[in-house]
Amino acid sequence: MQLIMRRFAGVFILASLLLAHYHSPNWLWFTGFVGFNSLQSSFTNFCPLEMILAKLGVGREPSGS
């Protein structure tokens, strides 16, 4: 699950940088939010994306017989 969360963060950061360059500098606020969320999750071990992915069943072992 950690790998998926890192990929999401990387995609969000790169997308918001491209949007800031080509559309509006206000997209840098989104970049800052992603960075701040990554920093706070390293201290609190709380990540909203992790909760969303868990509810979607991502990262669980497949149940088999």
Protein backbone atom coordinates (compact mmCIF):
# COMPACT_ATOMS: atom_id res chain seq x y z
CA MET A 1 0.00 0.00 0.00
CA GLN A 2 2.93 2.36 0.70
CA LEU A 3 4.05 2.06 -2.91
CA ILE A 4 0.59 3.03 -4.19
CA MET A 5 0.42 6.04 -1.86
CA ARG A 6 3.86 7.25 -2.97
CA ARG A 7 2.82 6.91 -6.61
CA PHE A 8 -0.37 8.88 -5.98
CA ALA A 9 1.62 11.63 -4.26
CA GLY A 10 4.12 11.76 -7.11
CA VAL A 11 1.42 11.92 -9.77
CA PHE A 12 -0.49 14.63 -7.87
CA ILE A 13 2.65 16.72 -7.40
CA LEU A 14 3.73 16.45 -11.03
CA ALA A 15 0.21 17.12 -12.31
CA SER A 16 -0.22 20.19 -10.13
CA LEU A 17 3.19 21.53 -11.21
CA LEU A 18 2.19 21.15 -14.86
CA LEU A 19 -1.16 22.81 -14.18
CA ALA A 20 0.61 25.66 -12.36
CA HIS A 21 2.97 26.17 -15.28
CA TYR A 22 0.39 26.01 -18.07
CA HIS A 23 -2.83 27.17 -16.38
CA SER A 24 -2.59 29.04 -13.08
CA PRO A 25 0.00 29.44 -10.30
CA ASN A 26 -2.79 28.79 -7.80
CA TRP A 27 -2.30 25.06 -8.46
CA LEU A 28 0.84 25.32 -6.33
CA TRP A 29 -1.46 25.38 -3.29
CA PHE A 30 -2.44 21.81 -4.19
CA THR A 31 1.25 20.89 -4.46
CA GLY A 32 1.76 22.35 -0.98
CA PHE A 33 -1.20 20.41 0.38
CA VAL A 34 0.18 17.12 -0.93
CA GLY A 35 3.60 17.89 0.55
CA PHE A 36 2.12 18.92 3.90
CA ASN A 37 -0.04 15.80 4.04
CA SER A 38 2.99 13.60 3.30
CA LEU A 39 4.95 15.33 6.05
CA GLN A 40 2.20 15.11 8.68
CA SER A 41 1.53 11.44 7.87
CA SER A 42 5.18 10.65 8.60
CA PHE A 43 4.63 11.92 12.15
CA THR A 44 1.03 10.85 12.82
CA ASN A 45 0.80 7.69 10.69
CA PHE A 46 -2.57 9.03 9.46
CA CYS A 47 -3.21 9.34 5.74
CA PRO A 48 -6.65 9.96 4.21
CA LEU A 49 -5.63 8.21 0.98
CA GLU A 50 -4.71 5.10 2.96
CA MET A 51 -8.20 5.05 4.48
CA ILE A 52 -9.82 5.45 1.05
CA LEU A 53 -7.71 2.68 -0.48
CA ALA A 54 -8.46 0.36 2.45
CA LYS A 55 -12.21 0.91 1.99
CA LEU A 56 -11.81 0.08 -1.69
CA GLY A 57 -10.02 -3.14 -0.75
CA VAL A 58 -6.64 -2.14 -2.20
CA GLY A 59 -3.70 -3.78 -0.51
CA ARG A 60 -5.63 -6.68 1.02
CA GLU A 61 -4.59 -10.24 0.45
CA PRO A 62 -6.95 -12.04 -1.89
CA SER A 63 -9.18 -14.43 0.03
CA GLY A 64 -8.93 -17.90 -1.40
CA SER A 65 -9.60 -21.45 -0.34
